[in-house]
Full PDB file with SEQRES, HELIX, SHEET, SSBOND, CRYST1, ORIGX, SCALE, CONECT and MASTER records, all heavy atoms in Angstrom:
SEQRES   1 A   37  ALA LEU GLU ARG VAL HIS ASP ALA GLY TYR LEU ASP PHE          
SEQRES   2 A   37  LEU GLU SER PHE TRP GLY ARG TRP THR ASP ALA GLY ARG          
SEQRES   3 A   37  SER GLY GLU ALA PHE PRO PHE VAL TRP PRO VAL                  
HELIX    1 AA1 ALA A    8  ASP A   23  1                                  16    
CRYST1    1.000    1.000    1.000  90.00  90.00  90.00 P 1           1          
ORIGX1      1.000000  0.000000  0.000000        0.00000                         
ORIGX2      0.000000  1.000000  0.000000        0.00000                         
ORIGX3      0.000000  0.000000  1.000000        0.00000                         
SCALE1      1.000000  0.000000  0.000000        0.00000                         
SCALE2      0.000000  1.000000  0.000000        0.00000                         
SCALE3      0.000000  0.000000  1.000000        0.00000                         
ATOM      1  N   ALA A   1     -44.603 -16.592  -6.640  1.00  0.00           N  
ATOM      2  CA  ALA A   1     -43.300 -17.218  -6.621  1.00  0.00           C  
ATOM      3  C   ALA A   1     -43.437 -18.577  -6.025  1.00  0.00           C  
ATOM      4  O   ALA A   1     -42.678 -19.472  -6.476  1.00  0.00           O  
ATOM      5  CB  ALA A   1     -42.356 -16.356  -5.823  1.00  0.00           C  
ATOM      6  N   LEU A   2     -44.306 -18.813  -5.046  1.00  0.00           N  
ATOM      7  CA  LEU A   2     -44.530 -20.151  -4.472  1.00  0.00           C  
ATOM      8  C   LEU A   2     -45.154 -21.075  -5.520  1.00  0.00           C  
ATOM      9  O   LEU A   2     -44.903 -22.252  -5.528  1.00  0.00           O  
ATOM     10  CB  LEU A   2     -45.357 -20.025  -3.243  1.00  0.00           C  
ATOM     11  CG  LEU A   2     -44.903 -19.053  -2.117  1.00  0.00           C  
ATOM     12  CD1 LEU A   2     -45.810 -19.105  -0.939  1.00  0.00           C  
ATOM     13  CD2 LEU A   2     -43.444 -19.279  -1.754  1.00  0.00           C  
ATOM     14  N   GLU A   3     -46.166 -20.445  -6.232  1.00  0.00           N  
ATOM     15  CA  GLU A   3     -46.939 -21.350  -7.194  1.00  0.00           C  
ATOM     16  C   GLU A   3     -46.062 -21.863  -8.387  1.00  0.00           C  
ATOM     17  O   GLU A   3     -46.483 -22.651  -9.073  1.00  0.00           O  
ATOM     18  CB  GLU A   3     -48.141 -20.575  -7.665  1.00  0.00           C  
ATOM     19  CG  GLU A   3     -49.231 -20.437  -6.608  1.00  0.00           C  
ATOM     20  CD  GLU A   3     -50.536 -19.731  -7.181  1.00  0.00           C  
ATOM     21  OE1 GLU A   3     -50.392 -19.139  -8.269  1.00  0.00           O  
ATOM     22  OE2 GLU A   3     -51.515 -19.857  -6.475  1.00  0.00           O  
ATOM     23  N   ARG A   4     -44.929 -21.166  -8.616  1.00  0.00           N  
ATOM     24  CA  ARG A   4     -44.030 -21.674  -9.580  1.00  0.00           C  
ATOM     25  C   ARG A   4     -43.462 -23.046  -9.259  1.00  0.00           C  
ATOM     26  O   ARG A   4     -42.927 -23.766 -10.109  1.00  0.00           O  
ATOM     27  CB  ARG A   4     -42.876 -20.708  -9.848  1.00  0.00           C  
ATOM     28  CG  ARG A   4     -43.271 -19.360 -10.372  1.00  0.00           C  
ATOM     29  CD  ARG A   4     -43.708 -19.470 -11.839  1.00  0.00           C  
ATOM     30  NE  ARG A   4     -42.556 -19.806 -12.726  1.00  0.00           N  
ATOM     31  CZ  ARG A   4     -42.647 -20.653 -13.712  1.00  0.00           C  
ATOM     32  NH1 ARG A   4     -43.685 -21.408 -13.917  1.00  0.00           N  
ATOM     33  NH2 ARG A   4     -41.510 -20.854 -14.468  1.00  0.00           N  
ATOM     34  N   VAL A   5     -43.583 -23.423  -8.015  1.00  0.00           N  
ATOM     35  CA  VAL A   5     -42.979 -24.733  -7.493  1.00  0.00           C  
ATOM     36  C   VAL A   5     -44.070 -25.567  -6.905  1.00  0.00           C  
ATOM     37  O   VAL A   5     -44.194 -26.800  -7.109  1.00  0.00           O  
ATOM     38  CB  VAL A   5     -41.818 -24.474  -6.472  1.00  0.00           C  
ATOM     39  CG1 VAL A   5     -41.501 -25.693  -5.719  1.00  0.00           C  
ATOM     40  CG2 VAL A   5     -40.589 -23.906  -7.138  1.00  0.00           C  
ATOM     41  N   HIS A   6     -44.978 -24.962  -6.152  1.00  0.00           N  
ATOM     42  CA  HIS A   6     -46.003 -25.729  -5.360  1.00  0.00           C  
ATOM     43  C   HIS A   6     -47.399 -25.653  -5.960  1.00  0.00           C  
ATOM     44  O   HIS A   6     -47.807 -24.642  -6.511  1.00  0.00           O  
ATOM     45  CB  HIS A   6     -46.002 -25.137  -3.891  1.00  0.00           C  
ATOM     46  CG  HIS A   6     -44.787 -25.483  -3.097  1.00  0.00           C  
ATOM     47  ND1 HIS A   6     -44.493 -26.708  -2.685  1.00  0.00           N  
ATOM     48  CD2 HIS A   6     -43.752 -24.741  -2.664  1.00  0.00           C  
ATOM     49  CE1 HIS A   6     -43.351 -26.720  -2.051  1.00  0.00           C  
ATOM     50  NE2 HIS A   6     -42.917 -25.509  -1.975  1.00  0.00           N  
ATOM     51  N   ASP A   7     -48.068 -26.769  -5.734  1.00  0.00           N  
ATOM     52  CA  ASP A   7     -49.492 -26.975  -6.241  1.00  0.00           C  
ATOM     53  C   ASP A   7     -50.365 -25.940  -5.498  1.00  0.00           C  
ATOM     54  O   ASP A   7     -50.216 -25.724  -4.313  1.00  0.00           O  
ATOM     55  CB  ASP A   7     -49.913 -28.343  -5.937  1.00  0.00           C  
ATOM     56  CG  ASP A   7     -51.353 -28.595  -6.173  1.00  0.00           C  
ATOM     57  OD1 ASP A   7     -51.708 -28.743  -7.356  1.00  0.00           O  
ATOM     58  OD2 ASP A   7     -52.081 -28.697  -5.142  1.00  0.00           O  
ATOM     59  N   ALA A   8     -51.291 -25.289  -6.181  1.00  0.00           N  
ATOM     60  CA  ALA A   8     -52.120 -24.333  -5.684  1.00  0.00           C  
ATOM     61  C   ALA A   8     -53.069 -24.801  -4.552  1.00  0.00           C  
ATOM     62  O   ALA A   8     -53.324 -24.251  -3.531  1.00  0.00           O  
ATOM     63  CB  ALA A   8     -53.013 -23.668  -6.784  1.00  0.00           C  
ATOM     64  N   GLY A   9     -53.554 -26.106  -4.733  1.00  0.00           N  
ATOM     65  CA  GLY A   9     -54.380 -26.726  -3.730  1.00  0.00           C  
ATOM     66  C   GLY A   9     -53.573 -26.996  -2.464  1.00  0.00           C  
ATOM     67  O   GLY A   9     -54.137 -26.834  -1.350  1.00  0.00           O  
ATOM     68  N   TYR A  10     -52.386 -27.301  -2.583  1.00  0.00           N  
ATOM     69  CA  TYR A  10     -51.462 -27.542  -1.421  1.00  0.00           C  
ATOM     70  C   TYR A  10     -51.273 -26.269  -0.626  1.00  0.00           C  
ATOM     71  O   TYR A  10     -51.366 -26.187   0.544  1.00  0.00           O  
ATOM     72  CB  TYR A  10     -50.150 -28.141  -1.863  1.00  0.00           C  
ATOM     73  CG  TYR A  10     -49.119 -28.274  -0.755  1.00  0.00           C  
ATOM     74  CD1 TYR A  10     -49.298 -29.027   0.301  1.00  0.00           C  
ATOM     75  CD2 TYR A  10     -47.898 -27.591  -0.887  1.00  0.00           C  
ATOM     76  CE1 TYR A  10     -48.335 -29.096   1.318  1.00  0.00           C  
ATOM     77  CE2 TYR A  10     -46.906 -27.613   0.066  1.00  0.00           C  
ATOM     78  CZ  TYR A  10     -47.164 -28.374   1.180  1.00  0.00           C  
ATOM     79  OH  TYR A  10     -46.201 -28.526   2.154  1.00  0.00           O  
ATOM     80  N   LEU A  11     -51.021 -25.162  -1.401  1.00  0.00           N  
ATOM     81  CA  LEU A  11     -50.818 -23.863  -0.716  1.00  0.00           C  
ATOM     82  C   LEU A  11     -52.148 -23.466  -0.089  1.00  0.00           C  
ATOM     83  O   LEU A  11     -52.165 -22.906   0.983  1.00  0.00           O  
ATOM     84  CB  LEU A  11     -50.394 -22.824  -1.771  1.00  0.00           C  
ATOM     85  CG  LEU A  11     -49.034 -23.030  -2.359  1.00  0.00           C  
ATOM     86  CD1 LEU A  11     -48.801 -22.023  -3.467  1.00  0.00           C  
ATOM     87  CD2 LEU A  11     -47.950 -22.996  -1.312  1.00  0.00           C  
ATOM     88  N   ASP A  12     -53.295 -23.703  -0.685  1.00  0.00           N  
ATOM     89  CA  ASP A  12     -54.558 -23.372  -0.109  1.00  0.00           C  
ATOM     90  C   ASP A  12     -54.674 -24.172   1.237  1.00  0.00           C  
ATOM     91  O   ASP A  12     -55.179 -23.562   2.231  1.00  0.00           O  
ATOM     92  CB  ASP A  12     -55.750 -23.752  -0.985  1.00  0.00           C  
ATOM     93  CG  ASP A  12     -55.854 -22.859  -2.264  1.00  0.00           C  
ATOM     94  OD1 ASP A  12     -55.281 -21.739  -2.131  1.00  0.00           O  
ATOM     95  OD2 ASP A  12     -56.494 -23.270  -3.233  1.00  0.00           O  
ATOM     96  N   PHE A  13     -54.390 -25.393   1.288  1.00  0.00           N  
ATOM     97  CA  PHE A  13     -54.394 -26.224   2.459  1.00  0.00           C  
ATOM     98  C   PHE A  13     -53.588 -25.637   3.575  1.00  0.00           C  
ATOM     99  O   PHE A  13     -54.018 -25.409   4.703  1.00  0.00           O  
ATOM    100  CB  PHE A  13     -53.943 -27.641   2.138  1.00  0.00           C  
ATOM    101  CG  PHE A  13     -53.506 -28.379   3.357  1.00  0.00           C  
ATOM    102  CD1 PHE A  13     -54.490 -28.879   4.322  1.00  0.00           C  
ATOM    103  CD2 PHE A  13     -52.196 -28.632   3.656  1.00  0.00           C  
ATOM    104  CE1 PHE A  13     -54.042 -29.533   5.431  1.00  0.00           C  
ATOM    105  CE2 PHE A  13     -51.736 -29.293   4.767  1.00  0.00           C  
ATOM    106  CZ  PHE A  13     -52.714 -29.781   5.678  1.00  0.00           C  
ATOM    107  N   LEU A  14     -52.287 -25.329   3.301  1.00  0.00           N  
ATOM    108  CA  LEU A  14     -51.402 -24.694   4.265  1.00  0.00           C  
ATOM    109  C   LEU A  14     -51.981 -23.372   4.793  1.00  0.00           C  
ATOM    110  O   LEU A  14     -51.981 -23.159   6.027  1.00  0.00           O  
ATOM    111  CB  LEU A  14     -50.061 -24.475   3.763  1.00  0.00           C  
ATOM    112  CG  LEU A  14     -49.133 -25.736   3.486  1.00  0.00           C  
ATOM    113  CD1 LEU A  14     -47.823 -25.315   2.839  1.00  0.00           C  
ATOM    114  CD2 LEU A  14     -48.899 -26.515   4.716  1.00  0.00           C  
ATOM    115  N   GLU A  15     -52.479 -22.568   3.922  1.00  0.00           N  
ATOM    116  CA  GLU A  15     -52.950 -21.254   4.305  1.00  0.00           C  
ATOM    117  C   GLU A  15     -54.226 -21.318   5.154  1.00  0.00           C  
ATOM    118  O   GLU A  15     -54.442 -20.521   6.072  1.00  0.00           O  
ATOM    119  CB  GLU A  15     -53.199 -20.418   3.079  1.00  0.00           C  
ATOM    120  CG  GLU A  15     -53.346 -18.951   3.325  1.00  0.00           C  
ATOM    121  CD  GLU A  15     -53.155 -18.061   2.117  1.00  0.00           C  
ATOM    122  OE1 GLU A  15     -53.195 -18.631   0.977  1.00  0.00           O  
ATOM    123  OE2 GLU A  15     -53.062 -16.858   2.267  1.00  0.00           O  
ATOM    124  N   SER A  16     -55.110 -22.277   4.850  1.00  0.00           N  
ATOM    125  CA  SER A  16     -56.372 -22.368   5.491  1.00  0.00           C  
ATOM    126  C   SER A  16     -56.387 -23.403   6.674  1.00  0.00           C  
ATOM    127  O   SER A  16     -57.430 -23.539   7.354  1.00  0.00           O  
ATOM    128  CB  SER A  16     -57.425 -22.751   4.496  1.00  0.00           C  
ATOM    129  OG  SER A  16     -57.242 -24.065   3.985  1.00  0.00           O  
ATOM    130  N   PHE A  17     -55.224 -24.083   6.887  1.00  0.00           N  
ATOM    131  CA  PHE A  17     -55.187 -25.178   7.802  1.00  0.00           C  
ATOM    132  C   PHE A  17     -55.803 -24.818   9.205  1.00  0.00           C  
ATOM    133  O   PHE A  17     -56.622 -25.461   9.757  1.00  0.00           O  
ATOM    134  CB  PHE A  17     -53.794 -25.736   7.975  1.00  0.00           C  
ATOM    135  CG  PHE A  17     -53.604 -26.452   9.177  1.00  0.00           C  
ATOM    136  CD1 PHE A  17     -54.163 -27.646   9.409  1.00  0.00           C  
ATOM    137  CD2 PHE A  17     -52.862 -25.872  10.276  1.00  0.00           C  
ATOM    138  CE1 PHE A  17     -53.989 -28.350  10.653  1.00  0.00           C  
ATOM    139  CE2 PHE A  17     -52.769 -26.438  11.506  1.00  0.00           C  
ATOM    140  CZ  PHE A  17     -53.312 -27.809  11.651  1.00  0.00           C  
ATOM    141  N   TRP A  18     -55.200 -23.740   9.825  1.00  0.00           N  
ATOM    142  CA  TRP A  18     -55.533 -23.528  11.164  1.00  0.00           C  
ATOM    143  C   TRP A  18     -57.043 -23.294  11.369  1.00  0.00           C  
ATOM    144  O   TRP A  18     -57.688 -23.782  12.321  1.00  0.00           O  
ATOM    145  CB  TRP A  18     -54.771 -22.343  11.743  1.00  0.00           C  
ATOM    146  CG  TRP A  18     -54.973 -22.196  13.222  1.00  0.00           C  
ATOM    147  CD1 TRP A  18     -55.609 -21.132  13.872  1.00  0.00           C  
ATOM    148  CD2 TRP A  18     -54.464 -23.075  14.254  1.00  0.00           C  
ATOM    149  NE1 TRP A  18     -55.628 -21.301  15.191  1.00  0.00           N  
ATOM    150  CE2 TRP A  18     -54.909 -22.516  15.524  1.00  0.00           C  
ATOM    151  CE3 TRP A  18     -53.741 -24.248  14.260  1.00  0.00           C  
ATOM    152  CZ2 TRP A  18     -54.654 -23.084  16.736  1.00  0.00           C  
ATOM    153  CZ3 TRP A  18     -53.501 -24.784  15.482  1.00  0.00           C  
ATOM    154  CH2 TRP A  18     -53.980 -24.275  16.712  1.00  0.00           C  
ATOM    155  N   GLY A  19     -57.719 -22.530  10.443  1.00  0.00           N  
ATOM    156  CA  GLY A  19     -59.066 -22.324  10.585  1.00  0.00           C  
ATOM    157  C   GLY A  19     -59.882 -23.635  10.456  1.00  0.00           C  
ATOM    158  O   GLY A  19     -60.841 -23.824  11.193  1.00  0.00           O  
ATOM    159  N   ARG A  20     -59.494 -24.459   9.576  1.00  0.00           N  
ATOM    160  CA  ARG A  20     -60.196 -25.797   9.401  1.00  0.00           C  
ATOM    161  C   ARG A  20     -59.986 -26.651  10.669  1.00  0.00           C  
ATOM    162  O   ARG A  20     -60.873 -27.298  11.092  1.00  0.00           O  
ATOM    163  CB  ARG A  20     -59.606 -26.571   8.151  1.00  0.00           C  
ATOM    164  CG  ARG A  20     -59.993 -25.974   6.886  1.00  0.00           C  
ATOM    165  CD  ARG A  20     -59.268 -26.604   5.693  1.00  0.00           C  
ATOM    166  NE  ARG A  20     -59.622 -26.135   4.407  1.00  0.00           N  
ATOM    167  CZ  ARG A  20     -60.492 -26.769   3.630  1.00  0.00           C  
ATOM    168  NH1 ARG A  20     -61.191 -27.817   4.059  1.00  0.00           N  
ATOM    169  NH2 ARG A  20     -60.775 -26.331   2.417  1.00  0.00           N  
ATOM    170  N   TRP A  21     -58.750 -26.621  11.172  1.00  0.00           N  
ATOM    171  CA  TRP A  21     -58.460 -27.348  12.405  1.00  0.00           C  
ATOM    172  C   TRP A  21     -59.249 -26.951  13.535  1.00  0.00           C  
ATOM    173  O   TRP A  21     -59.869 -27.769  14.296  1.00  0.00           O  
ATOM    174  CB  TRP A  21     -56.929 -27.196  12.672  1.00  0.00           C  
ATOM    175  CG  TRP A  21     -56.333 -28.020  13.713  1.00  0.00           C  
ATOM    176  CD1 TRP A  21     -55.799 -27.497  14.914  1.00  0.00           C  
ATOM    177  CD2 TRP A  21     -56.205 -29.457  13.822  1.00  0.00           C  
ATOM    178  NE1 TRP A  21     -55.330 -28.538  15.712  1.00  0.00           N  
ATOM    179  CE2 TRP A  21     -55.510 -29.721  15.069  1.00  0.00           C  
ATOM    180  CE3 TRP A  21     -56.587 -30.471  13.013  1.00  0.00           C  
ATOM    181  CZ2 TRP A  21     -55.214 -31.051  15.475  1.00  0.00           C  
ATOM    182  CZ3 TRP A  21     -56.221 -31.814  13.408  1.00  0.00           C  
ATOM    183  CH2 TRP A  21     -55.588 -32.109  14.619  1.00  0.00           C  
ATOM    184  N   THR A  22     -59.356 -25.650  13.845  1.00  0.00           N  
ATOM    185  CA  THR A  22     -60.157 -25.173  14.924  1.00  0.00           C  
ATOM    186  C   THR A  22     -61.600 -25.212  14.768  1.00  0.00           C  
ATOM    187  O   THR A  22     -62.357 -25.494  15.657  1.00  0.00           O  
ATOM    188  CB  THR A  22     -59.722 -23.699  15.251  1.00  0.00           C  
ATOM    189  OG1 THR A  22     -59.861 -22.861  14.097  1.00  0.00           O  
ATOM    190  CG2 THR A  22     -58.303 -23.639  15.795  1.00  0.00           C  
ATOM    191  N   ASP A  23     -62.006 -25.138  13.421  1.00  0.00           N  
ATOM    192  CA  ASP A  23     -63.444 -25.271  13.146  1.00  0.00           C  
ATOM    193  C   ASP A  23     -63.918 -26.753  13.444  1.00  0.00           C  
ATOM    194  O   ASP A  23     -65.095 -26.972  13.811  1.00  0.00           O  
ATOM    195  CB  ASP A  23     -63.710 -25.013  11.701  1.00  0.00           C  
ATOM    196  CG  ASP A  23     -63.680 -23.479  11.422  1.00  0.00           C  
ATOM    197  OD1 ASP A  23     -63.717 -22.661  12.406  1.00  0.00           O  
ATOM    198  OD2 ASP A  23     -63.673 -23.078  10.254  1.00  0.00           O  
ATOM    199  N   ALA A  24     -62.974 -27.715  13.416  1.00  0.00           N  
ATOM    200  CA  ALA A  24     -63.349 -29.085  13.652  1.00  0.00           C  
ATOM    201  C   ALA A  24     -63.241 -29.350  15.203  1.00  0.00           C  
ATOM    202  O   ALA A  24     -63.296 -30.531  15.634  1.00  0.00           O  
ATOM    203  CB  ALA A  24     -62.314 -29.993  12.959  1.00  0.00           C  
ATOM    204  N   GLY A  25     -63.075 -28.290  16.017  1.00  0.00           N  
ATOM    205  CA  GLY A  25     -63.057 -28.424  17.498  1.00  0.00           C  
ATOM    206  C   GLY A  25     -61.712 -28.889  17.936  1.00  0.00           C  
ATOM    207  O   GLY A  25     -61.600 -29.273  19.084  1.00  0.00           O  
ATOM    208  N   ARG A  26     -60.637 -28.687  17.187  1.00  0.00           N  
ATOM    209  CA  ARG A  26     -59.296 -29.125  17.573  1.00  0.00           C  
ATOM    210  C   ARG A  26     -58.551 -27.950  18.081  1.00  0.00           C  
ATOM    211  O   ARG A  26     -58.878 -26.799  17.859  1.00  0.00           O  
ATOM    212  CB  ARG A  26     -58.530 -29.791  16.349  1.00  0.00           C  
ATOM    213  CG  ARG A  26     -59.346 -30.766  15.598  1.00  0.00           C  
ATOM    214  CD  ARG A  26     -59.516 -32.045  16.281  1.00  0.00           C  
ATOM    215  NE  ARG A  26     -60.311 -33.002  15.501  1.00  0.00           N  
ATOM    216  CZ  ARG A  26     -59.837 -33.735  14.424  1.00  0.00           C  
ATOM    217  NH1 ARG A  26     -58.657 -33.603  14.018  1.00  0.00           N  
ATOM    218  NH2 ARG A  26     -60.608 -34.499  13.838  1.00  0.00           N  
ATOM    219  N   SER A  27     -57.552 -28.245  18.905  1.00  0.00           N  
ATOM    220  CA  SER A  27     -56.576 -27.201  19.341  1.00  0.00           C  
ATOM    221  C   SER A  27     -55.158 -27.913  19.470  1.00  0.00           C  
ATOM    222  O   SER A  27     -55.010 -29.072  19.408  1.00  0.00           O  
ATOM    223  CB  SER A  27     -56.990 -26.636  20.640  1.00  0.00           C  
ATOM    224  OG  SER A  27     -57.025 -27.652  21.688  1.00  0.00           O  
ATOM    225  N   GLY A  28     -54.140 -27.096  19.546  1.00  0.00           N  
ATOM    226  CA  GLY A  28     -52.832 -27.570  19.666  1.00  0.00           C  
ATOM    227  C   GLY A  28     -52.252 -28.055  18.332  1.00  0.00           C  
ATOM    228  O   GLY A  28     -52.846 -27.803  17.237  1.00  0.00           O  
ATOM    229  N   GLU A  29     -51.199 -28.745  18.359  1.00  0.00           N  
ATOM    230  CA  GLU A  29     -50.517 -29.180  17.154  1.00  0.00           C  
ATOM    231  C   GLU A  29     -51.186 -30.317  16.468  1.00  0.00           C  
ATOM    232  O   GLU A  29     -51.744 -31.162  17.184  1.00  0.00           O  
ATOM    233  CB  GLU A  29     -49.009 -29.553  17.483  1.00  0.00           C  
ATOM    234  CG  GLU A  29     -48.218 -28.306  17.997  1.00  0.00           C  
ATOM    235  CD  GLU A  29     -46.908 -28.707  18.604  1.00  0.00           C  
ATOM    236  OE1 GLU A  29     -46.626 -29.941  18.888  1.00  0.00           O  
ATOM    237  OE2 GLU A  29     -46.138 -27.797  18.881  1.00  0.00           O  
ATOM    238  N   ALA A  30     -51.096 -30.322  15.160  1.00  0.00           N  
ATOM    239  CA  ALA A  30     -51.757 -31.329  14.401  1.00  0.00           C  
ATOM    240  C   ALA A  30     -50.741 -32.360  13.767  1.00  0.00           C  
ATOM    241  O   ALA A  30     -49.735 -31.959  13.212  1.00  0.00           O  
ATOM    242  CB  ALA A  30     -52.551 -30.711  13.236  1.00  0.00           C  
ATOM    243  N   PHE A  31     -51.061 -33.606  13.720  1.00  0.00           N  
ATOM    244  CA  PHE A  31     -50.384 -34.689  13.099  1.00  0.00           C  
ATOM    245  C   PHE A  31     -51.322 -35.546  12.325  1.00  0.00           C  
ATOM    246  O   PHE A  31     -52.410 -35.822  12.732  1.00  0.00           O  
ATOM    247  CB  PHE A  31     -49.674 -35.592  14.156  1.00  0.00           C  
ATOM    248  CG  PHE A  31     -48.645 -34.892  14.953  1.00  0.00           C  
ATOM    249  CD1 PHE A  31     -49.069 -34.366  16.242  1.00  0.00           C  
ATOM    250  CD2 PHE A  31     -47.377 -34.802  14.592  1.00  0.00           C  
ATOM    251  CE1 PHE A  31     -48.150 -33.746  17.062  1.00  0.00           C  
ATOM    252  CE2 PHE A  31     -46.393 -34.203  15.441  1.00  0.00           C  
ATOM    253  CZ  PHE A  31     -46.788 -33.646  16.607  1.00  0.00           C  
ATOM    254  N   PRO A  32     -50.937 -35.882  11.082  1.00  0.00           N  
ATOM    255  CA  PRO A  32     -51.769 -36.783  10.247  1.00  0.00           C  
ATOM    256  C   PRO A  32     -51.717 -38.162  10.782  1.00  0.00           C  
ATOM    257  O   PRO A  32     -50.752 -38.581  11.482  1.00  0.00           O  
ATOM    258  CB  PRO A  32     -51.111 -36.668   8.882  1.00  0.00           C  
ATOM    259  CG  PRO A  32     -49.679 -36.365   9.167  1.00  0.00           C  
ATOM    260  CD  PRO A  32     -49.657 -35.506  10.421  1.00  0.00           C  
ATOM    261  N   PHE A  33     -52.688 -39.039  10.396  1.00  0.00           N  
ATOM    262  CA  PHE A  33     -52.667 -40.370  10.841  1.00  0.00           C  
ATOM    263  C   PHE A  33     -53.180 -41.354   9.688  1.00  0.00           C  
ATOM    264  O   PHE A  33     -53.167 -42.558  10.019  1.00  0.00           O  
ATOM    265  CB  PHE A  33     -53.523 -40.586  12.178  1.00  0.00           C  
ATOM    266  CG  PHE A  33     -54.994 -40.373  11.913  1.00  0.00           C  
ATOM    267  CD1 PHE A  33     -55.842 -41.389  11.526  1.00  0.00           C  
ATOM    268  CD2 PHE A  33     -55.549 -39.080  12.076  1.00  0.00           C  
ATOM    269  CE1 PHE A  33     -57.281 -41.196  11.431  1.00  0.00           C  
ATOM    270  CE2 PHE A  33     -56.901 -38.879  11.882  1.00  0.00           C  
ATOM    271  CZ  PHE A  33     -57.713 -39.887  11.596  1.00  0.00           C  
ATOM    272  N   VAL A  34     -53.540 -40.875   8.568  1.00  0.00           N  
ATOM    273  CA  VAL A  34     -53.885 -41.779   7.508  1.00  0.00           C  
ATOM    274  C   VAL A  34     -53.438 -41.169   6.171  1.00  0.00           C  
ATOM    275  O   VAL A  34     -53.534 -40.034   6.017  1.00  0.00           O  
ATOM    276  CB  VAL A  34     -55.473 -41.961   7.505  1.00  0.00           C  
ATOM    277  CG1 VAL A  34     -56.199 -40.622   7.362  1.00  0.00           C  
ATOM    278  CG2 VAL A  34     -55.922 -42.996   6.454  1.00  0.00           C  
ATOM    279  N   TRP A  35     -52.921 -42.014   5.257  1.00  0.00           N  
ATOM    280  CA  TRP A  35     -52.351 -41.555   4.005  1.00  0.00           C  
ATOM    281  C   TRP A  35     -52.865 -42.404   2.845  1.00  0.00           C  
ATOM    282  O   TRP A  35     -53.226 -43.544   2.981  1.00  0.00           O  
ATOM    283  CB  TRP A  35     -50.837 -41.693   4.070  1.00  0.00           C  
ATOM    284  CG  TRP A  35     -50.162 -40.839   5.009  1.00  0.00           C  
ATOM    285  CD1 TRP A  35     -49.699 -39.531   4.779  1.00  0.00           C  
ATOM    286  CD2 TRP A  35     -49.889 -41.076   6.369  1.00  0.00           C  
ATOM    287  NE1 TRP A  35     -49.172 -39.024   5.861  1.00  0.00           N  
ATOM    288  CE2 TRP A  35     -49.250 -39.902   6.911  1.00  0.00           C  
ATOM    289  CE3 TRP A  35     -50.089 -42.166   7.190  1.00  0.00           C  
ATOM    290  CZ2 TRP A  35     -48.845 -39.861   8.245  1.00  0.00           C  
ATOM    291  CZ3 TRP A  35     -49.697 -42.066   8.541  1.00  0.00           C  
ATOM    292  CH2 TRP A  35     -49.113 -40.929   9.033  1.00  0.00           C  
ATOM    293  N   PRO A  36     -52.982 -41.831   1.639  1.00  0.00           N  
ATOM    294  CA  PRO A  36     -53.422 -42.529   0.439  1.00  0.00           C  
ATOM    295  C   PRO A  36     -52.316 -43.322  -0.225  1.00  0.00           C  
ATOM    296  O   PRO A  36     -51.731 -43.012  -1.212  1.00  0.00           O  
ATOM    297  CB  PRO A  36     -53.879 -41.400  -0.507  1.00  0.00           C  
ATOM    298  CG  PRO A  36     -53.031 -40.253  -0.153  1.00  0.00           C  
ATOM    299  CD  PRO A  36     -52.772 -40.322   1.415  1.00  0.00           C  
ATOM    300  N   VAL A  37     -51.894 -44.388   0.497  1.00  0.00           N  
ATOM    301  CA  VAL A  37     -50.833 -45.249   0.046  1.00  0.00           C  
ATOM    302  C   VAL A  37     -51.334 -46.147  -1.125  1.00  0.00           C  
ATOM    303  O   VAL A  37     -52.428 -45.961  -1.668  1.00  0.00           O  
ATOM    304  CB  VAL A  37     -50.249 -46.140   1.181  1.00  0.00           C  
ATOM    305  CG1 VAL A  37     -49.682 -45.286   2.217  1.00  0.00           C  
ATOM    306  CG2 VAL A  37     -51.343 -47.048   1.774  1.00  0.00           C  
TER     307      VAL A  37                                                      
MASTER        0    0    0    1    0    0    0    6  306    1    0    3          
END                                                                             
């Protein structure tokens, strides 16, 4: 039902985010700082 609206790669990112964030040695809340403008 989510994929009827959202990109699969985006959903993969949301679902895997915390593991990637902690694997990079991070903790706490995440904020982006660079964008493909």
